[in-house]
Amino acid sequence: APKDVTLRGRAAIDWWSARVPEVVRRGTLVLAPPRDAAELTRF
């Protein structure tokens, strides 16, 4: 997606946290099987 999605989307975490419970801030882990290691590098 365009950079604007990242820039504007970052504020969404605080917006939701201020209004609803159970926003889990533990990040995202991105993986790839060994045969698809190139996908991880591309990502």
PDB file of all heavy atoms in Angstrom:
ATOM      1  N   ALA A   1       0.840  -1.203   0.000  1.00  0.00           N
ATOM      2  CA  ALA A   1       0.000   0.000   0.000  1.00  0.00           C
ATOM      3  C   ALA A   1       0.875   1.252   0.000  1.00  0.00           C
ATOM      4  O   ALA A   1       2.054   1.193   0.389  1.00  0.00           O
ATOM      5  CB  ALA A   1      -0.913  -0.004   1.231  1.00  0.00           C
ATOM      6  N   PRO A   2       0.333   2.390  -0.401  1.00  0.00           N
ATOM      7  CA  PRO A   2       1.106   3.640  -0.393  1.00  0.00           C
ATOM      8  C   PRO A   2       1.556   4.025   1.019  1.00  0.00           C
ATOM      9  O   PRO A   2       0.987   3.565   2.019  1.00  0.00           O
ATOM     10  CB  PRO A   2       0.108   4.669  -0.940  1.00  0.00           C
ATOM     11  CG  PRO A   2      -0.880   3.879  -1.705  1.00  0.00           C
ATOM     12  CD  PRO A   2      -1.002   2.569  -0.992  1.00  0.00           C
ATOM     13  N   LYS A   3       2.570   4.885   1.084  1.00  0.00           N
ATOM     14  CA  LYS A   3       3.113   5.302   2.375  1.00  0.00           C
ATOM     15  C   LYS A   3       2.054   5.956   3.257  1.00  0.00           C
ATOM     16  O   LYS A   3       2.145   5.901   4.483  1.00  0.00           O
ATOM     17  CB  LYS A   3       4.282   6.268   2.169  1.00  0.00           C
ATOM     18  CG  LYS A   3       5.529   5.623   1.586  1.00  0.00           C
ATOM     19  CD  LYS A   3       6.653   6.640   1.451  1.00  0.00           C
ATOM     20  CE  LYS A   3       7.909   5.994   0.883  1.00  0.00           C
ATOM     21  NZ  LYS A   3       9.018   6.977   0.746  1.00  0.00           N
ATOM     22  N   ASP A   4       1.058   6.566   2.643  1.00  0.00           N
ATOM     23  CA  ASP A   4       0.037   7.244   3.419  1.00  0.00           C
ATOM     24  C   ASP A   4      -0.723   6.285   4.328  1.00  0.00           C
ATOM     25  O   ASP A   4      -1.171   6.659   5.416  1.00  0.00           O
ATOM     26  CB  ASP A   4      -0.941   7.953   2.483  1.00  0.00           C
ATOM     27  CG  ASP A   4      -1.880   8.878   3.233  1.00  0.00           C
ATOM     28  OD1 ASP A   4      -1.374   9.802   3.890  1.00  0.00           O
ATOM     29  OD2 ASP A   4      -3.093   8.666   3.156  1.00  0.00           O
ATOM     30  N   VAL A   5      -0.877   5.038   3.896  1.00  0.00           N
ATOM     31  CA  VAL A   5      -1.548   4.044   4.732  1.00  0.00           C
ATOM     32  C   VAL A   5      -0.749   3.802   6.002  1.00  0.00           C
ATOM     33  O   VAL A   5      -1.306   3.714   7.105  1.00  0.00           O
ATOM     34  CB  VAL A   5      -1.757   2.729   3.951  1.00  0.00           C
ATOM     35  CG1 VAL A   5      -2.266   1.624   4.868  1.00  0.00           C
ATOM     36  CG2 VAL A   5      -2.729   2.947   2.796  1.00  0.00           C
ATOM     37  N   THR A   6       0.563   3.739   5.874  1.00  0.00           N
ATOM     38  CA  THR A   6       1.409   3.552   7.051  1.00  0.00           C
ATOM     39  C   THR A   6       1.364   4.787   7.953  1.00  0.00           C
ATOM     40  O   THR A   6       1.197   4.676   9.172  1.00  0.00           O
ATOM     41  CB  THR A   6       2.857   3.269   6.635  1.00  0.00           C
ATOM     42  OG1 THR A   6       2.895   2.049   5.887  1.00  0.00           O
ATOM     43  CG2 THR A   6       3.767   3.143   7.845  1.00  0.00           C
ATOM     44  N   LEU A   7       1.504   5.966   7.368  1.00  0.00           N
ATOM     45  CA  LEU A   7       1.555   7.194   8.161  1.00  0.00           C
ATOM     46  C   LEU A   7       0.256   7.422   8.929  1.00  0.00           C
ATOM     47  O   LEU A   7       0.267   7.701  10.130  1.00  0.00           O
ATOM     48  CB  LEU A   7       1.848   8.382   7.248  1.00  0.00           C
ATOM     49  CG  LEU A   7       3.239   8.401   6.599  1.00  0.00           C
ATOM     50  CD1 LEU A   7       3.345   9.561   5.607  1.00  0.00           C
ATOM     51  CD2 LEU A   7       4.321   8.505   7.657  1.00  0.00           C
ATOM     52  N   ARG A   8      -0.871   7.301   8.233  1.00  0.00           N
ATOM     53  CA  ARG A   8      -2.150   7.538   8.877  1.00  0.00           C
ATOM     54  C   ARG A   8      -2.579   6.359   9.747  1.00  0.00           C
ATOM     55  O   ARG A   8      -3.255   6.526  10.761  1.00  0.00           O
ATOM     56  CB  ARG A   8      -3.204   7.860   7.821  1.00  0.00           C
ATOM     57  CG  ARG A   8      -2.935   9.181   7.123  1.00  0.00           C
ATOM     58  CD  ARG A   8      -3.804   9.337   5.880  1.00  0.00           C
ATOM     59  NE  ARG A   8      -5.220   9.380   6.195  1.00  0.00           N
ATOM     60  CZ  ARG A   8      -5.966  10.481   6.110  1.00  0.00           C
ATOM     61  NH1 ARG A   8      -5.407  11.635   5.758  1.00  0.00           N
ATOM     62  NH2 ARG A   8      -7.239  10.443   6.371  1.00  0.00           N
ATOM     63  N   GLY A   9      -2.189   5.157   9.345  1.00  0.00           N
ATOM     64  CA  GLY A   9      -2.570   3.977  10.106  1.00  0.00           C
ATOM     65  C   GLY A   9      -1.920   3.900  11.480  1.00  0.00           C
ATOM     66  O   GLY A   9      -2.474   3.291  12.401  1.00  0.00           O
ATOM     67  N   ARG A  10      -0.761   4.510  11.645  1.00  0.00           N
ATOM     68  CA  ARG A  10      -0.086   4.457  12.948  1.00  0.00           C
ATOM     69  C   ARG A  10      -0.936   5.096  14.048  1.00  0.00           C
ATOM     70  O   ARG A  10      -0.916   4.650  15.192  1.00  0.00           O
ATOM     71  CB  ARG A  10       1.276   5.147  12.850  1.00  0.00           C
ATOM     72  CG  ARG A  10       2.274   4.403  11.972  1.00  0.00           C
ATOM     73  CD  ARG A  10       3.589   5.156  11.828  1.00  0.00           C
ATOM     74  NE  ARG A  10       4.327   5.177  13.087  1.00  0.00           N
ATOM     75  CZ  ARG A  10       5.541   5.711  13.224  1.00  0.00           C
ATOM     76  NH1 ARG A  10       6.133   6.263  12.176  1.00  0.00           N
ATOM     77  NH2 ARG A  10       6.148   5.689  14.380  1.00  0.00           N
ATOM     78  N   ALA A  11      -1.699   6.117  13.690  1.00  0.00           N
ATOM     79  CA  ALA A  11      -2.538   6.784  14.686  1.00  0.00           C
ATOM     80  C   ALA A  11      -3.735   5.931  15.100  1.00  0.00           C
ATOM     81  O   ALA A  11      -4.342   6.171  16.148  1.00  0.00           O
ATOM     82  CB  ALA A  11      -3.016   8.126  14.141  1.00  0.00           C
ATOM     83  N   ALA A  12      -4.077   4.937  14.281  1.00  0.00           N
ATOM     84  CA  ALA A  12      -5.249   4.119  14.576  1.00  0.00           C
ATOM     85  C   ALA A  12      -5.075   3.318  15.864  1.00  0.00           C
ATOM     86  O   ALA A  12      -6.050   3.062  16.580  1.00  0.00           O
ATOM     87  CB  ALA A  12      -5.538   3.176  13.410  1.00  0.00           C
ATOM     88  N   ILE A  13      -3.857   2.909  16.168  1.00  0.00           N
ATOM     89  CA  ILE A  13      -3.633   2.099  17.365  1.00  0.00           C
ATOM     90  C   ILE A  13      -4.009   2.886  18.612  1.00  0.00           C
ATOM     91  O   ILE A  13      -4.712   2.382  19.503  1.00  0.00           O
ATOM     92  CB  ILE A  13      -2.173   1.622  17.428  1.00  0.00           C
ATOM     93  CG1 ILE A  13      -1.865   0.748  16.202  1.00  0.00           C
ATOM     94  CG2 ILE A  13      -1.914   0.854  18.722  1.00  0.00           C
ATOM     95  CD1 ILE A  13      -0.419   0.294  16.106  1.00  0.00           C
ATOM     96  N   ASP A  14      -3.580   4.153  18.688  1.00  0.00           N
ATOM     97  CA  ASP A  14      -3.943   4.981  19.840  1.00  0.00           C
ATOM     98  C   ASP A  14      -5.437   5.300  19.842  1.00  0.00           C
ATOM     99  O   ASP A  14      -6.059   5.372  20.909  1.00  0.00           O
ATOM    100  CB  ASP A  14      -3.131   6.283  19.829  1.00  0.00           C
ATOM    101  CG  ASP A  14      -1.656   6.050  20.159  1.00  0.00           C
ATOM    102  OD1 ASP A  14      -1.351   5.035  20.816  1.00  0.00           O
ATOM    103  OD2 ASP A  14      -0.833   6.878  19.744  1.00  0.00           O
ATOM    104  N   TRP A  15      -6.016   5.509  18.658  1.00  0.00           N
ATOM    105  CA  TRP A  15      -7.447   5.821  18.571  1.00  0.00           C
ATOM    106  C   TRP A  15      -8.267   4.678  19.166  1.00  0.00           C
ATOM    107  O   TRP A  15      -9.148   4.898  20.002  1.00  0.00           O
ATOM    108  CB  TRP A  15      -7.845   6.059  17.125  1.00  0.00           C
ATOM    109  CG  TRP A  15      -9.209   6.661  16.941  1.00  0.00           C
ATOM    110  CD1 TRP A  15      -9.515   7.978  16.805  1.00  0.00           C
ATOM    111  CD2 TRP A  15     -10.471   5.962  16.877  1.00  0.00           C
ATOM    112  NE1 TRP A  15     -10.874   8.150  16.644  1.00  0.00           N
ATOM    113  CE2 TRP A  15     -11.484   6.930  16.695  1.00  0.00           C
ATOM    114  CE3 TRP A  15     -10.828   4.612  16.953  1.00  0.00           C
ATOM    115  CZ2 TRP A  15     -12.839   6.591  16.584  1.00  0.00           C
ATOM    116  CZ3 TRP A  15     -12.182   4.273  16.856  1.00  0.00           C
ATOM    117  CH2 TRP A  15     -13.162   5.253  16.670  1.00  0.00           C
ATOM    118  N   TRP A  16      -7.979   3.473  18.741  1.00  0.00           N
ATOM    119  CA  TRP A  16      -8.722   2.321  19.251  1.00  0.00           C
ATOM    120  C   TRP A  16      -8.440   2.091  20.736  1.00  0.00           C
ATOM    121  O   TRP A  16      -9.350   1.782  21.512  1.00  0.00           O
ATOM    122  CB  TRP A  16      -8.392   1.074  18.445  1.00  0.00           C
ATOM    123  CG  TRP A  16      -9.017   1.049  17.089  1.00  0.00           C
ATOM    124  CD1 TRP A  16      -8.403   1.245  15.881  1.00  0.00           C
ATOM    125  CD2 TRP A  16     -10.408   0.829  16.781  1.00  0.00           C
ATOM    126  NE1 TRP A  16      -9.307   1.170  14.850  1.00  0.00           N
ATOM    127  CE2 TRP A  16     -10.552   0.909  15.377  1.00  0.00           C
ATOM    128  CE3 TRP A  16     -11.532   0.577  17.560  1.00  0.00           C
ATOM    129  CZ2 TRP A  16     -11.779   0.735  14.743  1.00  0.00           C
ATOM    130  CZ3 TRP A  16     -12.761   0.403  16.935  1.00  0.00           C
ATOM    131  CH2 TRP A  16     -12.873   0.480  15.539  1.00  0.00           C
ATOM    132  N   SER A  17      -7.192   2.239  21.138  1.00  0.00           N
ATOM    133  CA  SER A  17      -6.843   2.008  22.547  1.00  0.00           C
ATOM    134  C   SER A  17      -7.585   2.956  23.480  1.00  0.00           C
ATOM    135  O   SER A  17      -7.885   2.605  24.623  1.00  0.00           O
ATOM    136  CB  SER A  17      -5.333   2.168  22.745  1.00  0.00           C
ATOM    137  OG  SER A  17      -4.617   1.179  22.033  1.00  0.00           O
ATOM    138  N   ALA A  18      -7.890   4.163  23.000  1.00  0.00           N
ATOM    139  CA  ALA A  18      -8.582   5.148  23.824  1.00  0.00           C
ATOM    140  C   ALA A  18     -10.078   4.871  23.944  1.00  0.00           C
ATOM    141  O   ALA A  18     -10.745   5.456  24.799  1.00  0.00           O
ATOM    142  CB  ALA A  18      -8.360   6.549  23.256  1.00  0.00           C
ATOM    143  N   ARG A  19     -10.598   3.973  23.105  1.00  0.00           N
ATOM    144  CA  ARG A  19     -12.048   3.789  23.060  1.00  0.00           C
ATOM    145  C   ARG A  19     -12.533   2.372  23.313  1.00  0.00           C
ATOM    146  O   ARG A  19     -13.701   2.184  23.656  1.00  0.00           O
ATOM    147  CB  ARG A  19     -12.569   4.276  21.693  1.00  0.00           C
ATOM    148  CG  ARG A  19     -12.434   5.788  21.520  1.00  0.00           C
ATOM    149  CD  ARG A  19     -12.541   6.206  20.074  1.00  0.00           C
ATOM    150  NE  ARG A  19     -12.405   7.668  19.946  1.00  0.00           N
ATOM    151  CZ  ARG A  19     -11.243   8.307  19.936  1.00  0.00           C
ATOM    152  NH1 ARG A  19     -10.102   7.622  20.043  1.00  0.00           N
ATOM    153  NH2 ARG A  19     -11.201   9.623  19.839  1.00  0.00           N
ATOM    154  N   VAL A  20     -11.707   1.391  23.108  1.00  0.00           N
ATOM    155  CA  VAL A  20     -12.152   0.011  23.316  1.00  0.00           C
ATOM    156  C   VAL A  20     -11.112  -0.738  24.155  1.00  0.00           C
ATOM    157  O   VAL A  20      -9.912  -0.437  24.093  1.00  0.00           O
ATOM    158  CB  VAL A  20     -12.379  -0.728  21.984  1.00  0.00           C
ATOM    159  CG1 VAL A  20     -13.336   0.035  21.085  1.00  0.00           C
ATOM    160  CG2 VAL A  20     -11.069  -0.978  21.255  1.00  0.00           C
ATOM    161  N   PRO A  21     -11.546  -1.727  24.933  1.00  0.00           N
ATOM    162  CA  PRO A  21     -10.596  -2.538  25.691  1.00  0.00           C
ATOM    163  C   PRO A  21      -9.958  -3.604  24.797  1.00  0.00           C
ATOM    164  O   PRO A  21     -10.346  -3.781  23.637  1.00  0.00           O
ATOM    165  CB  PRO A  21     -11.482  -3.189  26.763  1.00  0.00           C
ATOM    166  CG  PRO A  21     -12.817  -3.293  26.104  1.00  0.00           C
ATOM    167  CD  PRO A  21     -12.945  -2.084  25.207  1.00  0.00           C
ATOM    168  N   GLU A  22      -8.993  -4.272  25.339  1.00  0.00           N
ATOM    169  CA  GLU A  22      -8.413  -5.454  24.702  1.00  0.00           C
ATOM    170  C   GLU A  22      -7.671  -5.170  23.400  1.00  0.00           C
ATOM    171  O   GLU A  22      -7.609  -6.029  22.520  1.00  0.00           O
ATOM    172  CB  GLU A  22      -9.487  -6.514  24.459  1.00  0.00           C
ATOM    173  CG  GLU A  22     -10.203  -6.968  25.730  1.00  0.00           C
ATOM    174  CD  GLU A  22     -11.347  -7.919  25.450  1.00  0.00           C
ATOM    175  OE1 GLU A  22     -11.561  -8.257  24.272  1.00  0.00           O
ATOM    176  OE2 GLU A  22     -12.034  -8.317  26.405  1.00  0.00           O
ATOM    177  N   VAL A  23      -7.133  -3.953  23.239  1.00  0.00           N
ATOM    178  CA  VAL A  23      -6.196  -3.736  22.139  1.00  0.00           C
ATOM    179  C   VAL A  23      -4.858  -4.309  22.580  1.00  0.00           C
ATOM    180  O   VAL A  23      -4.286  -3.887  23.582  1.00  0.00           O
ATOM    181  CB  VAL A  23      -6.056  -2.243  21.793  1.00  0.00           C
ATOM    182  CG1 VAL A  23      -4.961  -2.037  20.748  1.00  0.00           C
ATOM    183  CG2 VAL A  23      -7.387  -1.701  21.279  1.00  0.00           C
ATOM    184  N   VAL A  24      -4.384  -5.309  21.859  1.00  0.00           N
ATOM    185  CA  VAL A  24      -3.179  -6.040  22.249  1.00  0.00           C
ATOM    186  C   VAL A  24      -1.988  -5.464  21.495  1.00  0.00           C
ATOM    187  O   VAL A  24      -1.911  -5.544  20.262  1.00  0.00           O
ATOM    188  CB  VAL A  24      -3.325  -7.542  21.943  1.00  0.00           C
ATOM    189  CG1 VAL A  24      -2.065  -8.299  22.390  1.00  0.00           C
ATOM    190  CG2 VAL A  24      -4.562  -8.104  22.627  1.00  0.00           C
ATOM    191  N   ARG A  25      -1.041  -4.893  22.239  1.00  0.00           N
ATOM    192  CA  ARG A  25       0.147  -4.280  21.633  1.00  0.00           C
ATOM    193  C   ARG A  25       1.352  -5.203  21.816  1.00  0.00           C
ATOM    194  O   ARG A  25       2.207  -4.971  22.651  1.00  0.00           O
ATOM    195  CB  ARG A  25       0.427  -2.924  22.280  1.00  0.00           C
ATOM    196  CG  ARG A  25      -0.645  -1.855  22.042  1.00  0.00           C
ATOM    197  CD  ARG A  25      -0.301  -0.603  22.835  1.00  0.00           C
ATOM    198  NE  ARG A  25      -1.236   0.480  22.646  1.00  0.00           N
ATOM    199  CZ  ARG A  25      -0.985   1.598  21.963  1.00  0.00           C
ATOM    200  NH1 ARG A  25       0.211   1.780  21.413  1.00  0.00           N
ATOM    201  NH2 ARG A  25      -1.885   2.551  21.861  1.00  0.00           N
ATOM    202  N   ARG A  26       1.395  -6.248  21.032  1.00  0.00           N
ATOM    203  CA  ARG A  26       2.523  -7.182  21.089  1.00  0.00           C
ATOM    204  C   ARG A  26       3.218  -7.339  19.749  1.00  0.00           C
ATOM    205  O   ARG A  26       4.027  -8.232  19.557  1.00  0.00           O
ATOM    206  CB  ARG A  26       2.054  -8.552  21.606  1.00  0.00           C
ATOM    207  CG  ARG A  26       1.619  -8.518  23.078  1.00  0.00           C
ATOM    208  CD  ARG A  26       1.293  -9.903  23.594  1.00  0.00           C
ATOM    209  NE  ARG A  26       2.429 -10.821  23.501  1.00  0.00           N
ATOM    210  CZ  ARG A  26       3.415 -10.878  24.374  1.00  0.00           C
ATOM    211  NH1 ARG A  26       3.445 -10.033  25.409  1.00  0.00           N
ATOM    212  NH2 ARG A  26       4.400 -11.748  24.232  1.00  0.00           N
ATOM    213  N   GLY A  27       2.892  -6.462  18.809  1.00  0.00           N
ATOM    214  CA  GLY A  27       3.592  -6.462  17.541  1.00  0.00           C
ATOM    215  C   GLY A  27       3.148  -7.582  16.613  1.00  0.00           C
ATOM    216  O   GLY A  27       2.231  -8.354  16.906  1.00  0.00           O
ATOM    217  N   THR A  28       3.836  -7.644  15.473  1.00  0.00           N
ATOM    218  CA  THR A  28       3.564  -8.655  14.450  1.00  0.00           C
ATOM    219  C   THR A  28       4.864  -9.373  14.118  1.00  0.00           C
ATOM    220  O   THR A  28       5.909  -8.742  13.936  1.00  0.00           O
ATOM    221  CB  THR A  28       3.011  -8.009  13.166  1.00  0.00           C
ATOM    222  OG1 THR A  28       1.817  -7.293  13.479  1.00  0.00           O
ATOM    223  CG2 THR A  28       2.715  -9.055  12.105  1.00  0.00           C
ATOM    224  N   LEU A  29       4.795 -10.693  14.027  1.00  0.00           N
ATOM    225  CA  LEU A  29       5.949 -11.514  13.646  1.00  0.00           C
ATOM    226  C   LEU A  29       5.706 -12.074  12.253  1.00  0.00           C
ATOM    227  O   LEU A  29       4.713 -12.765  12.019  1.00  0.00           O
ATOM    228  CB  LEU A  29       6.148 -12.646  14.649  1.00  0.00           C
ATOM    229  CG  LEU A  29       7.339 -13.584  14.430  1.00  0.00           C
ATOM    230  CD1 LEU A  29       8.656 -12.820  14.425  1.00  0.00           C
ATOM    231  CD2 LEU A  29       7.347 -14.677  15.501  1.00  0.00           C
ATOM    232  N   VAL A  30       6.592 -11.750  11.325  1.00  0.00           N
ATOM    233  CA  VAL A  30       6.454 -12.190   9.934  1.00  0.00           C
ATOM    234  C   VAL A  30       7.461 -13.302   9.662  1.00  0.00           C
ATOM    235  O   VAL A  30       8.665 -13.146   9.920  1.00  0.00           O
ATOM    236  CB  VAL A  30       6.674 -11.018   8.956  1.00  0.00           C
ATOM    237  CG1 VAL A  30       6.529 -11.495   7.510  1.00  0.00           C
ATOM    238  CG2 VAL A  30       5.680  -9.899   9.243  1.00  0.00           C
ATOM    239  N   LEU A  31       6.948 -14.414   9.138  1.00  0.00           N
ATOM    240  CA  LEU A  31       7.765 -15.601   8.916  1.00  0.00           C
ATOM    241  C   LEU A  31       7.625 -16.084   7.475  1.00  0.00           C
ATOM    242  O   LEU A  31       6.698 -15.688   6.762  1.00  0.00           O
ATOM    243  CB  LEU A  31       7.319 -16.730   9.853  1.00  0.00           C
ATOM    244  CG  LEU A  31       7.279 -16.426  11.348  1.00  0.00           C
ATOM    245  CD1 LEU A  31       6.623 -17.580  12.097  1.00  0.00           C
ATOM    246  CD2 LEU A  31       8.678 -16.162  11.880  1.00  0.00           C
ATOM    247  N   ALA A  32       8.536 -16.974   7.086  1.00  0.00           N
ATOM    248  CA  ALA A  32       8.442 -17.636   5.787  1.00  0.00           C
ATOM    249  C   ALA A  32       9.133 -18.990   5.903  1.00  0.00           C
ATOM    250  O   ALA A  32      10.160 -19.111   6.584  1.00  0.00           O
ATOM    251  CB  ALA A  32       9.102 -16.799   4.692  1.00  0.00           C
ATOM    252  N   PRO A  33       8.585 -20.027   5.266  1.00  0.00           N
ATOM    253  CA  PRO A  33       9.278 -21.326   5.243  1.00  0.00           C
ATOM    254  C   PRO A  33      10.627 -21.180   4.555  1.00  0.00           C
ATOM    255  O   PRO A  33      10.830 -20.252   3.753  1.00  0.00           O
ATOM    256  CB  PRO A  33       8.332 -22.211   4.422  1.00  0.00           C
ATOM    257  CG  PRO A  33       7.007 -21.509   4.434  1.00  0.00           C
ATOM    258  CD  PRO A  33       7.323 -20.052   4.521  1.00  0.00           C
ATOM    259  N   PRO A  34      11.572 -22.071   4.842  1.00  0.00           N
ATOM    260  CA  PRO A  34      12.911 -21.958   4.228  1.00  0.00           C
ATOM    261  C   PRO A  34      12.871 -21.846   2.707  1.00  0.00           C
ATOM    262  O   PRO A  34      13.648 -21.086   2.113  1.00  0.00           O
ATOM    263  CB  PRO A  34      13.599 -23.251   4.680  1.00  0.00           C
ATOM    264  CG  PRO A  34      12.934 -23.593   5.980  1.00  0.00           C
ATOM    265  CD  PRO A  34      11.504 -23.176   5.821  1.00  0.00           C
ATOM    266  N   ARG A  35      11.964 -22.572   2.068  1.00  0.00           N
ATOM    267  CA  ARG A  35      11.911 -22.536   0.597  1.00  0.00           C
ATOM    268  C   ARG A  35      11.441 -21.185   0.068  1.00  0.00           C
ATOM    269  O   ARG A  35      11.609 -20.875  -1.119  1.00  0.00           O
ATOM    270  CB  ARG A  35      10.983 -23.639   0.080  1.00  0.00           C
ATOM    271  CG  ARG A  35       9.534 -23.445   0.464  1.00  0.00           C
ATOM    272  CD  ARG A  35       8.646 -24.560  -0.085  1.00  0.00           C
ATOM    273  NE  ARG A  35       7.246 -24.365   0.257  1.00  0.00           N
ATOM    274  CZ  ARG A  35       6.678 -24.726   1.397  1.00  0.00           C
ATOM    275  NH1 ARG A  35       7.442 -25.323   2.326  1.00  0.00           N
ATOM    276  NH2 ARG A  35       5.403 -24.525   1.625  1.00  0.00           N
ATOM    277  N   ASP A  36      10.803 -20.393   0.945  1.00  0.00           N
ATOM    278  CA  ASP A  36      10.300 -19.074   0.538  1.00  0.00           C
ATOM    279  C   ASP A  36      11.069 -17.942   1.217  1.00  0.00           C
ATOM    280  O   ASP A  36      10.533 -16.856   1.406  1.00  0.00           O
ATOM    281  CB  ASP A  36       8.812 -18.959   0.877  1.00  0.00           C
ATOM    282  CG  ASP A  36       7.958 -19.974   0.147  1.00  0.00           C
ATOM    283  OD1 ASP A  36       8.246 -20.231  -1.040  1.00  0.00           O
ATOM    284  OD2 ASP A  36       7.017 -20.522   0.759  1.00  0.00           O
ATOM    285  N   ALA A  37      12.328 -18.196   1.554  1.00  0.00           N
ATOM    286  CA  ALA A  37      13.127 -17.189   2.257  1.00  0.00           C
ATOM    287  C   ALA A  37      13.239 -15.891   1.466  1.00  0.00           C
ATOM    288  O   ALA A  37      13.327 -14.802   2.042  1.00  0.00           O
ATOM    289  CB  ALA A  37      14.518 -17.752   2.550  1.00  0.00           C
ATOM    290  N   ALA A  38      13.221 -16.003   0.145  1.00  0.00           N
ATOM    291  CA  ALA A  38      13.303 -14.794  -0.690  1.00  0.00           C
ATOM    292  C   ALA A  38      12.111 -13.876  -0.448  1.00  0.00           C
ATOM    293  O   ALA A  38      12.227 -12.647  -0.559  1.00  0.00           O
ATOM    294  CB  ALA A  38      13.387 -15.183  -2.163  1.00  0.00           C
ATOM    295  N   GLU A  39      10.954 -14.452  -0.109  1.00  0.00           N
ATOM    296  CA  GLU A  39       9.777 -13.644   0.180  1.00  0.00           C
ATOM    297  C   GLU A  39      10.001 -12.775   1.412  1.00  0.00           C
ATOM    298  O   GLU A  39       9.559 -11.623   1.482  1.00  0.00           O
ATOM    299  CB  GLU A  39       8.560 -14.542   0.387  1.00  0.00           C
ATOM    300  CG  GLU A  39       7.967 -15.097  -0.885  1.00  0.00           C
ATOM    301  CD  GLU A  39       7.384 -14.013  -1.764  1.00  0.00           C
ATOM    302  OE1 GLU A  39       6.458 -13.307  -1.314  1.00  0.00           O
ATOM    303  OE2 GLU A  39       7.866 -13.848  -2.907  1.00  0.00           O
ATOM    304  N   LEU A  40      10.692 -13.323   2.400  1.00  0.00           N
ATOM    305  CA  LEU A  40      10.966 -12.581   3.628  1.00  0.00           C
ATOM    306  C   LEU A  40      11.891 -11.396   3.346  1.00  0.00           C
ATOM    307  O   LEU A  40      11.678 -10.287   3.847  1.00  0.00           O
ATOM    308  CB  LEU A  40      11.579 -13.513   4.670  1.00  0.00           C
ATOM    309  CG  LEU A  40      11.482 -13.094   6.137  1.00  0.00           C
ATOM    310  CD1 LEU A  40      10.033 -12.936   6.562  1.00  0.00           C
ATOM    311  CD2 LEU A  40      12.181 -14.127   7.022  1.00  0.00           C
ATOM    312  N   THR A  41      12.895 -11.636   2.523  1.00  0.00           N
ATOM    313  CA  THR A  41      13.812 -10.558   2.143  1.00  0.00           C
ATOM    314  C   THR A  41      13.089  -9.478   1.358  1.00  0.00           C
ATOM    315  O   THR A  41      13.287  -8.274   1.580  1.00  0.00           O
ATOM    316  CB  THR A  41      14.978 -11.125   1.317  1.00  0.00           C
ATOM    317  OG1 THR A  41      15.654 -12.128   2.073  1.00  0.00           O
ATOM    318  CG2 THR A  41      15.955 -10.028   0.942  1.00  0.00           C
ATOM    319  N   ARG A  42      12.228  -9.899   0.436  1.00  0.00           N
ATOM    320  CA  ARG A  42      11.450  -8.936  -0.351  1.00  0.00           C
ATOM    321  C   ARG A  42      10.533  -8.113   0.554  1.00  0.00           C
ATOM    322  O   ARG A  42      10.439  -6.893   0.414  1.00  0.00           O
ATOM    323  CB  ARG A  42      10.621  -9.680  -1.397  1.00  0.00           C
ATOM    324  CG  ARG A  42       9.763  -8.757  -2.271  1.00  0.00           C
ATOM    325  CD  ARG A  42       8.668  -9.529  -2.996  1.00  0.00           C
ATOM    326  NE  ARG A  42       7.751 -10.184  -2.067  1.00  0.00           N
ATOM    327  CZ  ARG A  42       6.786  -9.566  -1.399  1.00  0.00           C
ATOM    328  NH1 ARG A  42       6.613  -8.254  -1.537  1.00  0.00           N
ATOM    329  NH2 ARG A  42       6.000 -10.239  -0.582  1.00  0.00           N
ATOM    330  N   PHE A  43       9.868  -8.778   1.508  1.00  0.00           N
ATOM    331  CA  PHE A  43       8.953  -8.093   2.409  1.00  0.00           C
ATOM    332  C   PHE A  43       9.702  -7.057   3.248  1.00  0.00           C
ATOM    333  O   PHE A  43       9.213  -5.944   3.465  1.00  0.00           O
ATOM    334  CB  PHE A  43       8.270  -9.124   3.322  1.00  0.00           C
ATOM    335  CG  PHE A  43       7.030  -8.627   3.995  1.00  0.00           C
ATOM    336  CD1 PHE A  43       5.796  -8.775   3.400  1.00  0.00           C
ATOM    337  CD2 PHE A  43       7.095  -8.023   5.245  1.00  0.00           C
ATOM    338  CE1 PHE A  43       4.637  -8.324   4.025  1.00  0.00           C
ATOM    339  CE2 PHE A  43       5.956  -7.564   5.879  1.00  0.00           C
ATOM    340  CZ  PHE A  43       4.716  -7.713   5.270  1.00  0.00           C
TER     341      PHE A  43
END
